[in-house]
Amino acid sequence: MTSWGCDHERTAREAYFKVTASKHSSFSINDAGLFINPDTPFIGATPDGLVHCDCCGDGVLEVKCPYSKKDVPMETACADPSFYLSTSDQVNNQGKPFSWKVTQTQTMTRPKKT
């Protein structure tokens, strides 16, 4: 149910900010827009946000709100080995349907080396 994820993305983003901002210096989330790789202009990515803090630098935010876990507490969802998150903040996306999108987004939005 893609509409479930879209309908709850803003709430998830705000919750992520609330939790993460307390653990980082000058944490911010900004809207991202479309990123196109000039070497492969037929490939693009639209991350859910760009994050920054003084302690860790820049990163990409990709929000997932799975309908299949909508009525399950986060700890219970994370205990499911087929779920893509764990309580240790490690991502378990091998073989998951969205893993290519997340990898593509990370690749497309990385800062250029100067």
PDB file of N, CA and C in Angstrom:
ATOM      1  N   MET A   1       0.833  -1.187   0.000  1.00  0.00           N
ATOM      2  CA  MET A   1       0.000   0.000   0.000  1.00  0.00           C
ATOM      3  C   MET A   1       0.876   1.248   0.000  1.00  0.00           C
ATOM      4  N   THR A   2       1.187   1.726  -1.166  1.00  0.00           N
ATOM      5  CA  THR A   2       2.016   2.914  -1.300  1.00  0.00           C
ATOM      6  C   THR A   2       1.345   4.139  -0.683  1.00  0.00           C
ATOM      7  N   SER A   3       0.032   4.250  -0.807  1.00  0.00           N
ATOM      8  CA  SER A   3      -0.649   5.429  -0.264  1.00  0.00           C
ATOM      9  C   SER A   3      -0.473   5.523   1.254  1.00  0.00           C
ATOM     10  N   TRP A   4      -0.438   4.380   1.951  1.00  0.00           N
ATOM     11  CA  TRP A   4      -0.211   4.395   3.399  1.00  0.00           C
ATOM     12  C   TRP A   4       1.142   5.056   3.698  1.00  0.00           C
ATOM     13  N   GLY A   5       2.182   4.632   2.999  1.00  0.00           N
ATOM     14  CA  GLY A   5       3.512   5.201   3.210  1.00  0.00           C
ATOM     15  C   GLY A   5       3.557   6.685   2.921  1.00  0.00           C
ATOM     16  N   CYS A   6       2.968   7.083   1.804  1.00  0.00           N
ATOM     17  CA  CYS A   6       2.945   8.509   1.442  1.00  0.00           C
ATOM     18  C   CYS A   6       2.164   9.334   2.454  1.00  0.00           C
ATOM     19  N   ASP A   7       1.042   8.789   2.912  1.00  0.00           N
ATOM     20  CA  ASP A   7       0.209   9.522   3.877  1.00  0.00           C
ATOM     21  C   ASP A   7       0.908   9.715   5.220  1.00  0.00           C
ATOM     22  N   HIS A   8       1.839   8.859   5.558  1.00  0.00           N
ATOM     23  CA  HIS A   8       2.488   8.906   6.868  1.00  0.00           C
ATOM     24  C   HIS A   8       3.951   9.366   6.824  1.00  0.00           C
ATOM     25  N   GLU A   9       4.420   9.711   5.640  1.00  0.00           N
ATOM     26  CA  GLU A   9       5.824  10.098   5.485  1.00  0.00           C
ATOM     27  C   GLU A   9       6.174  11.354   6.290  1.00  0.00           C
ATOM     28  N   ARG A  10       5.345  12.362   6.260  1.00  0.00           N
ATOM     29  CA  ARG A  10       5.625  13.618   6.974  1.00  0.00           C
ATOM     30  C   ARG A  10       5.714  13.362   8.484  1.00  0.00           C
ATOM     31  N   THR A  11       4.790  12.569   9.012  1.00  0.00           N
ATOM     32  CA  THR A  11       4.798  12.240  10.442  1.00  0.00           C
ATOM     33  C   THR A  11       6.067  11.479  10.807  1.00  0.00           C
ATOM     34  N   ALA A  12       6.454  10.525   9.960  1.00  0.00           N
ATOM     35  CA  ALA A  12       7.674   9.745  10.210  1.00  0.00           C
ATOM     36  C   ALA A  12       8.910  10.641  10.155  1.00  0.00           C
ATOM     37  N   ARG A  13       8.930  11.552   9.205  1.00  0.00           N
ATOM     38  CA  ARG A  13      10.066  12.474   9.081  1.00  0.00           C
ATOM     39  C   ARG A  13      10.180  13.367  10.321  1.00  0.00           C
ATOM     40  N   GLU A  14       9.054  13.861  10.807  1.00  0.00           N
ATOM     41  CA  GLU A  14       9.061  14.702  12.006  1.00  0.00           C
ATOM     42  C   GLU A  14       9.509  13.911  13.239  1.00  0.00           C
ATOM     43  N   ALA A  15       9.069  12.664  13.343  1.00  0.00           N
ATOM     44  CA  ALA A  15       9.488  11.814  14.466  1.00  0.00           C
ATOM     45  C   ALA A  15      10.984  11.534  14.392  1.00  0.00           C
ATOM     46  N   TYR A  16      11.473  11.274  13.199  1.00  0.00           N
ATOM     47  CA  TYR A  16      12.913  11.045  13.009  1.00  0.00           C
ATOM     48  C   TYR A  16      13.708  12.280  13.426  1.00  0.00           C
ATOM     49  N   PHE A  17      13.232  13.452  13.030  1.00  0.00           N
ATOM     50  CA  PHE A  17      13.921  14.688  13.410  1.00  0.00           C
ATOM     51  C   PHE A  17      13.961  14.840  14.923  1.00  0.00           C
ATOM     52  N   LYS A  18      12.835  14.615  15.564  1.00  0.00           N
ATOM     53  CA  LYS A  18      12.752  14.790  17.017  1.00  0.00           C
ATOM     54  C   LYS A  18      13.756  13.888  17.746  1.00  0.00           C
ATOM     55  N   VAL A  19      13.830  12.637  17.339  1.00  0.00           N
ATOM     56  CA  VAL A  19      14.745  11.687  17.991  1.00  0.00           C
ATOM     57  C   VAL A  19      16.195  11.992  17.647  1.00  0.00           C
ATOM     58  N   THR A  20      16.465  12.273  16.383  1.00  0.00           N
ATOM     59  CA  THR A  20      17.844  12.427  15.915  1.00  0.00           C
ATOM     60  C   THR A  20      18.450  13.766  16.319  1.00  0.00           C
ATOM     61  N   ALA A  21      17.669  14.827  16.314  1.00  0.00           N
ATOM     62  CA  ALA A  21      18.196  16.154  16.642  1.00  0.00           C
ATOM     63  C   ALA A  21      18.778  16.201  18.048  1.00  0.00           C
ATOM     64  N   SER A  22      18.224  15.414  18.955  1.00  0.00           N
ATOM     65  CA  SER A  22      18.729  15.425  20.332  1.00  0.00           C
ATOM     66  C   SER A  22      20.074  14.713  20.464  1.00  0.00           C
ATOM     67  N   LYS A  23      20.478  13.977  19.431  1.00  0.00           N
ATOM     68  CA  LYS A  23      21.724  13.210  19.483  1.00  0.00           C
ATOM     69  C   LYS A  23      22.836  13.801  18.619  1.00  0.00           C
ATOM     70  N   HIS A  24      22.537  14.904  17.905  1.00  0.00           N
ATOM     71  CA  HIS A  24      23.501  15.484  16.973  1.00  0.00           C
ATOM     72  C   HIS A  24      23.565  16.998  17.131  1.00  0.00           C
ATOM     73  N   SER A  25      24.675  17.564  16.728  1.00  0.00           N
ATOM     74  CA  SER A  25      24.896  19.003  16.830  1.00  0.00           C
ATOM     75  C   SER A  25      24.372  19.709  15.576  1.00  0.00           C
ATOM     76  N   SER A  26      23.458  20.649  15.759  1.00  0.00           N
ATOM     77  CA  SER A  26      22.880  21.440  14.660  1.00  0.00           C
ATOM     78  C   SER A  26      22.286  20.549  13.572  1.00  0.00           C
ATOM     79  N   PHE A  27      21.482  19.582  13.958  1.00  0.00           N
ATOM     80  CA  PHE A  27      20.881  18.643  13.005  1.00  0.00           C
ATOM     81  C   PHE A  27      19.787  19.333  12.200  1.00  0.00           C
ATOM     82  N   SER A  28      19.738  19.059  10.903  1.00  0.00           N
ATOM     83  CA  SER A  28      18.690  19.621  10.050  1.00  0.00           C
ATOM     84  C   SER A  28      18.292  18.616   8.973  1.00  0.00           C
ATOM     85  N   ILE A  29      17.058  18.747   8.508  1.00  0.00           N
ATOM     86  CA  ILE A  29      16.548  17.990   7.362  1.00  0.00           C
ATOM     87  C   ILE A  29      16.012  19.005   6.369  1.00  0.00           C
ATOM     88  N   ASN A  30      16.455  18.900   5.135  1.00  0.00           N
ATOM     89  CA  ASN A  30      15.983  19.791   4.079  1.00  0.00           C
ATOM     90  C   ASN A  30      15.336  18.980   2.966  1.00  0.00           C
ATOM     91  N   ASP A  31      14.400  19.599   2.252  1.00  0.00           N
ATOM     92  CA  ASP A  31      13.797  18.952   1.099  1.00  0.00           C
ATOM     93  C   ASP A  31      14.879  18.718   0.054  1.00  0.00           C
ATOM     94  N   ALA A  32      14.680  17.686  -0.768  1.00  0.00           N
ATOM     95  CA  ALA A  32      15.757  17.265  -1.656  1.00  0.00           C
ATOM     96  C   ALA A  32      15.501  17.543  -3.135  1.00  0.00           C
ATOM     97  N   GLY A  33      14.344  17.191  -3.645  1.00  0.00           N
ATOM     98  CA  GLY A  33      14.103  17.328  -5.074  1.00  0.00           C
ATOM     99  C   GLY A  33      14.686  16.171  -5.867  1.00  0.00           C
ATOM    100  N   LEU A  34      14.859  16.385  -7.156  1.00  0.00           N
ATOM    101  CA  LEU A  34      15.340  15.350  -8.073  1.00  0.00           C
ATOM    102  C   LEU A  34      16.841  15.494  -8.300  1.00  0.00           C
ATOM    103  N   PHE A  35      17.559  14.384  -8.162  1.00  0.00           N
ATOM    104  CA  PHE A  35      18.980  14.331  -8.467  1.00  0.00           C
ATOM    105  C   PHE A  35      19.169  13.514  -9.741  1.00  0.00           C
ATOM    106  N   ILE A  36      19.891  14.054 -10.702  1.00  0.00           N
ATOM    107  CA  ILE A  36      20.188  13.351 -11.949  1.00  0.00           C
ATOM    108  C   ILE A  36      21.698  13.257 -12.098  1.00  0.00           C
ATOM    109  N   ASN A  37      22.166  12.065 -12.376  1.00  0.00           N
ATOM    110  CA  ASN A  37      23.592  11.849 -12.585  1.00  0.00           C
ATOM    111  C   ASN A  37      23.949  12.322 -13.992  1.00  0.00           C
ATOM    112  N   PRO A  38      24.857  13.294 -14.129  1.00  0.00           N
ATOM    113  CA  PRO A  38      25.194  13.794 -15.461  1.00  0.00           C
ATOM    114  C   PRO A  38      25.841  12.729 -16.354  1.00  0.00           C
ATOM    115  N   ASP A  39      26.463  11.715 -15.746  1.00  0.00           N
ATOM    116  CA  ASP A  39      27.061  10.644 -16.543  1.00  0.00           C
ATOM    117  C   ASP A  39      26.017   9.656 -17.056  1.00  0.00           C
ATOM    118  N   THR A  40      24.899   9.566 -16.362  1.00  0.00           N
ATOM    119  CA  THR A  40      23.796   8.683 -16.763  1.00  0.00           C
ATOM    120  C   THR A  40      22.488   9.443 -16.566  1.00  0.00           C
ATOM    121  N   PRO A  41      22.194  10.398 -17.452  1.00  0.00           N
ATOM    122  CA  PRO A  41      21.049  11.288 -17.242  1.00  0.00           C
ATOM    123  C   PRO A  41      19.690  10.598 -17.309  1.00  0.00           C
ATOM    124  N   PHE A  42      19.660   9.337 -17.642  1.00  0.00           N
ATOM    125  CA  PHE A  42      18.406   8.592 -17.662  1.00  0.00           C
ATOM    126  C   PHE A  42      18.112   7.957 -16.307  1.00  0.00           C
ATOM    127  N   ILE A  43      19.000   8.167 -15.331  1.00  0.00           N
ATOM    128  CA  ILE A  43      18.809   7.651 -13.978  1.00  0.00           C
ATOM    129  C   ILE A  43      18.725   8.830 -13.013  1.00  0.00           C
ATOM    130  N   GLY A  44      17.706   8.815 -12.172  1.00  0.00           N
ATOM    131  CA  GLY A  44      17.544   9.872 -11.191  1.00  0.00           C
ATOM    132  C   GLY A  44      17.103   9.316  -9.854  1.00  0.00           C
ATOM    133  N   ALA A  45      17.131  10.163  -8.846  1.00  0.00           N
ATOM    134  CA  ALA A  45      16.711   9.762  -7.505  1.00  0.00           C
ATOM    135  C   ALA A  45      16.027  10.936  -6.823  1.00  0.00           C
ATOM    136  N   THR A  46      15.030  10.625  -6.008  1.00  0.00           N
ATOM    137  CA  THR A  46      14.313  11.645  -5.249  1.00  0.00           C
ATOM    138  C   THR A  46      14.283  11.234  -3.776  1.00  0.00           C
ATOM    139  N   PRO A  47      15.341  11.545  -3.047  1.00  0.00           N
ATOM    140  CA  PRO A  47      15.346  11.204  -1.617  1.00  0.00           C
ATOM    141  C   PRO A  47      14.268  11.976  -0.877  1.00  0.00           C
ATOM    142  N   ASP A  48      13.888  11.448   0.275  1.00  0.00           N
ATOM    143  CA  ASP A  48      12.856  12.093   1.087  1.00  0.00           C
ATOM    144  C   ASP A  48      13.402  13.298   1.842  1.00  0.00           C
ATOM    145  N   GLY A  49      14.696  13.439   1.884  1.00  0.00           N
ATOM    146  CA  GLY A  49      15.308  14.594   2.529  1.00  0.00           C
ATOM    147  C   GLY A  49      16.820  14.494   2.509  1.00  0.00           C
ATOM    148  N   LEU A  50      17.446  15.623   2.722  1.00  0.00           N
ATOM    149  CA  LEU A  50      18.894  15.683   2.896  1.00  0.00           C
ATOM    150  C   LEU A  50      19.142  16.084   4.336  1.00  0.00           C
ATOM    151  N   VAL A  51      19.977  15.336   5.028  1.00  0.00           N
ATOM    152  CA  VAL A  51      20.240  15.615   6.433  1.00  0.00           C
ATOM    153  C   VAL A  51      21.651  16.166   6.593  1.00  0.00           C
ATOM    154  N   HIS A  52      21.817  16.942   7.647  1.00  0.00           N
ATOM    155  CA  HIS A  52      23.135  17.497   7.956  1.00  0.00           C
ATOM    156  C   HIS A  52      23.230  17.719   9.465  1.00  0.00           C
ATOM    157  N   CYS A  53      24.419  17.475   9.988  1.00  0.00           N
ATOM    158  CA  CYS A  53      24.729  17.881  11.354  1.00  0.00           C
ATOM    159  C   CYS A  53      26.211  18.218  11.398  1.00  0.00           C
ATOM    160  N   ASP A  54      26.582  19.022  12.379  1.00  0.00           N
ATOM    161  CA  ASP A  54      27.974  19.438  12.504  1.00  0.00           C
ATOM    162  C   ASP A  54      28.885  18.288  12.894  1.00  0.00           C
ATOM    163  N   CYS A  55      28.350  17.273  13.568  1.00  0.00           N
ATOM    164  CA  CYS A  55      29.197  16.175  14.047  1.00  0.00           C
ATOM    165  C   CYS A  55      29.408  15.075  13.003  1.00  0.00           C
ATOM    166  N   CYS A  56      28.457  14.856  12.110  1.00  0.00           N
ATOM    167  CA  CYS A  56      28.561  13.748  11.145  1.00  0.00           C
ATOM    168  C   CYS A  56      28.588  14.191   9.688  1.00  0.00           C
ATOM    169  N   GLY A  57      28.214  15.424   9.408  1.00  0.00           N
ATOM    170  CA  GLY A  57      28.205  15.903   8.027  1.00  0.00           C
ATOM    171  C   GLY A  57      26.881  15.671   7.338  1.00  0.00           C
ATOM    172  N   ASP A  58      26.963  15.374   6.036  1.00  0.00           N
ATOM    173  CA  ASP A  58      25.780  15.272   5.188  1.00  0.00           C
ATOM    174  C   ASP A  58      25.328  13.825   5.023  1.00  0.00           C
ATOM    175  N   GLY A  59      24.023  13.657   4.810  1.00  0.00           N
ATOM    176  CA  GLY A  59      23.461  12.339   4.565  1.00  0.00           C
ATOM    177  C   GLY A  59      22.146  12.457   3.822  1.00  0.00           C
ATOM    178  N   VAL A  60      21.566  11.303   3.554  1.00  0.00           N
ATOM    179  CA  VAL A  60      20.326  11.196   2.802  1.00  0.00           C
ATOM    180  C   VAL A  60      19.269  10.546   3.678  1.00  0.00           C
ATOM    181  N   LEU A  61      18.047  11.041   3.599  1.00  0.00           N
ATOM    182  CA  LEU A  61      16.930  10.462   4.337  1.00  0.00           C
ATOM    183  C   LEU A  61      15.992   9.757   3.364  1.00  0.00           C
ATOM    184  N   GLU A  62      15.732   8.499   3.620  1.00  0.00           N
ATOM    185  CA  GLU A  62      14.768   7.713   2.846  1.00  0.00           C
ATOM    186  C   GLU A  62      13.784   7.134   3.844  1.00  0.00           C
ATOM    187  N   VAL A  63      12.532   7.593   3.814  1.00  0.00           N
ATOM    188  CA  VAL A  63      11.515   7.203   4.788  1.00  0.00           C
ATOM    189  C   VAL A  63      10.719   6.014   4.258  1.00  0.00           C
ATOM    190  N   LYS A  64      10.512   5.032   5.104  1.00  0.00           N
ATOM    191  CA  LYS A  64       9.661   3.890   4.780  1.00  0.00           C
ATOM    192  C   LYS A  64       8.619   3.742   5.881  1.00  0.00           C
ATOM    193  N   CYS A  65       7.358   3.641   5.501  1.00  0.00           N
ATOM    194  CA  CYS A  65       6.243   3.435   6.435  1.00  0.00           C
ATOM    195  C   CYS A  65       5.480   2.207   5.971  1.00  0.00           C
ATOM    196  N   PRO A  66       5.950   1.032   6.327  1.00  0.00           N
ATOM    197  CA  PRO A  66       5.343  -0.190   5.783  1.00  0.00           C
ATOM    198  C   PRO A  66       3.947  -0.472   6.335  1.00  0.00           C
ATOM    199  N   TYR A  67       3.007  -0.630   5.434  1.00  0.00           N
ATOM    200  CA  TYR A  67       1.632  -0.940   5.805  1.00  0.00           C
ATOM    201  C   TYR A  67       1.562  -2.250   6.579  1.00  0.00           C
ATOM    202  N   SER A  68       2.413  -3.204   6.219  1.00  0.00           N
ATOM    203  CA  SER A  68       2.371  -4.522   6.864  1.00  0.00           C
ATOM    204  C   SER A  68       2.717  -4.455   8.350  1.00  0.00           C
ATOM    205  N   LYS A  69       3.333  -3.361   8.802  1.00  0.00           N
ATOM    206  CA  LYS A  69       3.720  -3.221  10.213  1.00  0.00           C
ATOM    207  C   LYS A  69       2.973  -2.072  10.896  1.00  0.00           C
ATOM    208  N   LYS A  70       1.884  -1.604  10.296  1.00  0.00           N
ATOM    209  CA  LYS A  70       1.200  -0.416  10.802  1.00  0.00           C
ATOM    210  C   LYS A  70       0.609  -0.591  12.195  1.00  0.00           C
ATOM    211  N   ASP A  71       0.246  -1.807  12.566  1.00  0.00           N
ATOM    212  CA  ASP A  71      -0.365  -2.051  13.877  1.00  0.00           C
ATOM    213  C   ASP A  71       0.580  -2.745  14.851  1.00  0.00           C
ATOM    214  N   VAL A  72       1.859  -2.754  14.528  1.00  0.00           N
ATOM    215  CA  VAL A  72       2.852  -3.483  15.320  1.00  0.00           C
ATOM    216  C   VAL A  72       3.816  -2.489  15.960  1.00  0.00           C
ATOM    217  N   PRO A  73       4.103  -2.630  17.243  1.00  0.00           N
ATOM    218  CA  PRO A  73       5.122  -1.756  17.858  1.00  0.00           C
ATOM    219  C   PRO A  73       6.476  -1.933  17.166  1.00  0.00           C
ATOM    220  N   MET A  74       7.258  -0.883  17.115  1.00  0.00           N
ATOM    221  CA  MET A  74       8.544  -0.912  16.418  1.00  0.00           C
ATOM    222  C   MET A  74       9.437  -2.056  16.903  1.00  0.00           C
ATOM    223  N   GLU A  75       9.460  -2.297  18.211  1.00  0.00           N
ATOM    224  CA  GLU A  75      10.309  -3.358  18.745  1.00  0.00           C
ATOM    225  C   GLU A  75       9.899  -4.726  18.202  1.00  0.00           C
ATOM    226  N   THR A  76       8.597  -4.949  18.058  1.00  0.00           N
ATOM    227  CA  THR A  76       8.098  -6.215  17.513  1.00  0.00           C
ATOM    228  C   THR A  76       8.440  -6.323  16.031  1.00  0.00           C
ATOM    229  N   ALA A  77       8.253  -5.244  15.296  1.00  0.00           N
ATOM    230  CA  ALA A  77       8.596  -5.250  13.869  1.00  0.00           C
ATOM    231  C   ALA A  77      10.078  -5.548  13.676  1.00  0.00           C
ATOM    232  N   CYS A  78      10.920  -4.938  14.487  1.00  0.00           N
ATOM    233  CA  CYS A  78      12.371  -5.130  14.369  1.00  0.00           C
ATOM    234  C   CYS A  78      12.808  -6.544  14.740  1.00  0.00           C
ATOM    235  N   ALA A  79      12.023  -7.236  15.541  1.00  0.00           N
ATOM    236  CA  ALA A  79      12.353  -8.612  15.910  1.00  0.00           C
ATOM    237  C   ALA A  79      12.079  -9.592  14.769  1.00  0.00           C
ATOM    238  N   ASP A  80      11.310  -9.176  13.776  1.00  0.00           N
ATOM    239  CA  ASP A  80      11.000 -10.013  12.616  1.00  0.00           C
ATOM    240  C   ASP A  80      12.209 -10.025  11.682  1.00  0.00           C
ATOM    241  N   PRO A  81      12.835 -11.180  11.445  1.00  0.00           N
ATOM    242  CA  PRO A  81      14.034 -11.221  10.608  1.00  0.00           C
ATOM    243  C   PRO A  81      13.789 -10.799   9.161  1.00  0.00           C
ATOM    244  N   SER A  82      12.535 -10.815   8.712  1.00  0.00           N
ATOM    245  CA  SER A  82      12.255 -10.382   7.345  1.00  0.00           C
ATOM    246  C   SER A  82      12.086  -8.864   7.243  1.00  0.00           C
ATOM    247  N   PHE A  83      12.037  -8.194   8.389  1.00  0.00           N
ATOM    248  CA  PHE A  83      11.893  -6.731   8.404  1.00  0.00           C
ATOM    249  C   PHE A  83      13.254  -6.101   8.146  1.00  0.00           C
ATOM    250  N   TYR A  84      13.274  -4.892   7.613  1.00  0.00           N
ATOM    251  CA  TYR A  84      14.521  -4.274   7.176  1.00  0.00           C
ATOM    252  C   TYR A  84      15.230  -3.438   8.228  1.00  0.00           C
ATOM    253  N   LEU A  85      14.685  -3.309   9.417  1.00  0.00           N
ATOM    254  CA  LEU A  85      15.362  -2.580  10.486  1.00  0.00           C
ATOM    255  C   LEU A  85      15.564  -3.483  11.689  1.00  0.00           C
ATOM    256  N   SER A  86      16.519  -3.099  12.515  1.00  0.00           N
ATOM    257  CA  SER A  86      16.710  -3.784  13.785  1.00  0.00           C
ATOM    258  C   SER A  86      16.779  -2.721  14.872  1.00  0.00           C
ATOM    259  N   THR A  87      16.728  -3.117  16.096  1.00  0.00           N
ATOM    260  CA  THR A  87      16.789  -2.135  17.183  1.00  0.00           C
ATOM    261  C   THR A  87      18.183  -1.550  17.334  1.00  0.00           C
ATOM    262  N   SER A  88      19.156  -2.069  16.607  1.00  0.00           N
ATOM    263  CA  SER A  88      20.518  -1.519  16.675  1.00  0.00           C
ATOM    264  C   SER A  88      20.770  -0.492  15.580  1.00  0.00           C
ATOM    265  N   ASP A  89      19.720  -0.040  14.893  1.00  0.00           N
ATOM    266  CA  ASP A  89      19.805   0.941  13.805  1.00  0.00           C
ATOM    267  C   ASP A  89      20.544   0.418  12.581  1.00  0.00           C
ATOM    268  N   GLN A  90      20.746  -0.883  12.506  1.00  0.00           N
ATOM    269  CA  GLN A  90      21.380  -1.472  11.330  1.00  0.00           C
ATOM    270  C   GLN A  90      20.299  -1.791  10.304  1.00  0.00           C
ATOM    271  N   VAL A  91      20.582  -1.477   9.056  1.00  0.00           N
ATOM    272  CA  VAL A  91      19.627  -1.739   7.994  1.00  0.00           C
ATOM    273  C   VAL A  91      19.829  -3.153   7.467  1.00  0.00           C
ATOM    274  N   ASN A  92      18.743  -3.879   7.298  1.00  0.00           N
ATOM    275  CA  ASN A  92      18.766  -5.229   6.757  1.00  0.00           C
ATOM    276  C   ASN A  92      17.982  -5.204   5.455  1.00  0.00           C
ATOM    277  N   ASN A  93      18.589  -4.676   4.386  1.00  0.00           N
ATOM    278  CA  ASN A  93      17.830  -4.514   3.149  1.00  0.00           C
ATOM    279  C   ASN A  93      18.220  -5.499   2.056  1.00  0.00           C
ATOM    280  N   GLN A  94      19.047  -6.472   2.340  1.00  0.00           N
ATOM    281  CA  GLN A  94      19.432  -7.444   1.329  1.00  0.00           C
ATOM    282  C   GLN A  94      18.202  -8.172   0.808  1.00  0.00           C
ATOM    283  N   GLY A  95      17.992  -8.105  -0.486  1.00  0.00           N
ATOM    284  CA  GLY A  95      16.888  -8.809  -1.109  1.00  0.00           C
ATOM    285  C   GLY A  95      15.521  -8.190  -0.891  1.00  0.00           C
ATOM    286  N   LYS A  96      15.457  -7.043  -0.243  1.00  0.00           N
ATOM    287  CA  LYS A  96      14.177  -6.388  -0.014  1.00  0.00           C
ATOM    288  C   LYS A  96      13.781  -5.611  -1.271  1.00  0.00           C
ATOM    289  N   PRO A  97      12.489  -5.443  -1.527  1.00  0.00           N
ATOM    290  CA  PRO A  97      12.053  -4.804  -2.769  1.00  0.00           C
ATOM    291  C   PRO A  97      12.582  -3.388  -2.964  1.00  0.00           C
ATOM    292  N   PHE A  98      12.797  -2.651  -1.897  1.00  0.00           N
ATOM    293  CA  PHE A  98      13.213  -1.256  -2.036  1.00  0.00           C
ATOM    294  C   PHE A  98      14.729  -1.080  -1.967  1.00  0.00           C
ATOM    295  N   SER A  99      15.503  -2.155  -1.799  1.00  0.00           N
ATOM    296  CA  SER A  99      16.940  -2.003  -1.568  1.00  0.00           C
ATOM    297  C   SER A  99      17.637  -1.314  -2.734  1.00  0.00           C
ATOM    298  N   TRP A 100      17.225  -1.584  -3.965  1.00  0.00           N
ATOM    299  CA  TRP A 100      17.841  -0.908  -5.109  1.00  0.00           C
ATOM    300  C   TRP A 100      17.537   0.582  -5.064  1.00  0.00           C
ATOM    301  N   LYS A 101      16.309   0.968  -4.705  1.00  0.00           N
ATOM    302  CA  LYS A 101      15.967   2.391  -4.641  1.00  0.00           C
ATOM    303  C   LYS A 101      16.807   3.117  -3.608  1.00  0.00           C
ATOM    304  N   VAL A 102      16.992   2.513  -2.448  1.00  0.00           N
ATOM    305  CA  VAL A 102      17.790   3.143  -1.393  1.00  0.00           C
ATOM    306  C   VAL A 102      19.244   3.272  -1.843  1.00  0.00           C
ATOM    307  N   THR A 103      19.788   2.208  -2.426  1.00  0.00           N
ATOM    308  CA  THR A 103      21.171   2.250  -2.917  1.00  0.00           C
ATOM    309  C   THR A 103      21.320   3.292  -4.014  1.00  0.00           C
ATOM    310  N   GLN A 104      20.370   3.347  -4.935  1.00  0.00           N
ATOM    311  CA  GLN A 104      20.408   4.327  -6.011  1.00  0.00           C
ATOM    312  C   GLN A 104      20.356   5.745  -5.452  1.00  0.00           C
ATOM    313  N   THR A 105      19.488   5.979  -4.484  1.00  0.00           N
ATOM    314  CA  THR A 105      19.367   7.305  -3.886  1.00  0.00           C
ATOM    315  C   THR A 105      20.672   7.717  -3.225  1.00  0.00           C
ATOM    316  N   GLN A 106      21.287   6.810  -2.493  1.00  0.00           N
ATOM    317  CA  GLN A 106      22.552   7.124  -1.828  1.00  0.00           C
ATOM    318  C   GLN A 106      23.634   7.437  -2.861  1.00  0.00           C
ATOM    319  N   THR A 107      23.684   6.666  -3.944  1.00  0.00           N
ATOM    320  CA  THR A 107      24.694   6.884  -4.975  1.00  0.00           C
ATOM    321  C   THR A 107      24.480   8.201  -5.695  1.00  0.00           C
ATOM    322  N   MET A 108      23.235   8.511  -6.014  1.00  0.00           N
ATOM    323  CA  MET A 108      22.933   9.710  -6.802  1.00  0.00           C
ATOM    324  C   MET A 108      23.136  10.997  -6.016  1.00  0.00           C
ATOM    325  N   THR A 109      23.011  10.952  -4.706  1.00  0.00           N
ATOM    326  CA  THR A 109      23.048  12.183  -3.918  1.00  0.00           C
ATOM    327  C   THR A 109      24.367  12.409  -3.201  1.00  0.00           C
ATOM    328  N   ARG A 110      25.327  11.536  -3.395  1.00  0.00           N
ATOM    329  CA  ARG A 110      26.598  11.732  -2.680  1.00  0.00           C
ATOM    330  C   ARG A 110      27.291  12.987  -3.202  1.00  0.00           C
ATOM    331  N   PRO A 111      27.980  13.680  -2.295  1.00  0.00           N
ATOM    332  CA  PRO A 111      28.653  14.921  -2.710  1.00  0.00           C
ATOM    333  C   PRO A 111      29.769  14.644  -3.713  1.00  0.00           C
ATOM    334  N   LYS A 112      29.950  15.577  -4.611  1.00  0.00           N
ATOM    335  CA  LYS A 112      31.046  15.471  -5.582  1.00  0.00           C
ATOM    336  C   LYS A 112      32.379  15.696  -4.879  1.00  0.00           C
ATOM    337  N   LYS A 113      33.376  14.896  -5.240  1.00  0.00           N
ATOM    338  CA  LYS A 113      34.712  15.080  -4.686  1.00  0.00           C
ATOM    339  C   LYS A 113      35.412  16.190  -5.469  1.00  0.00           C
ATOM    340  N   THR A 114      36.067  17.067  -4.725  1.00  0.00           N
ATOM    341  CA  THR A 114      36.764  18.182  -5.401  1.00  0.00           C
ATOM    342  C   THR A 114      38.249  18.003  -5.314  1.00  0.00           C
TER     343      THR A 114
END
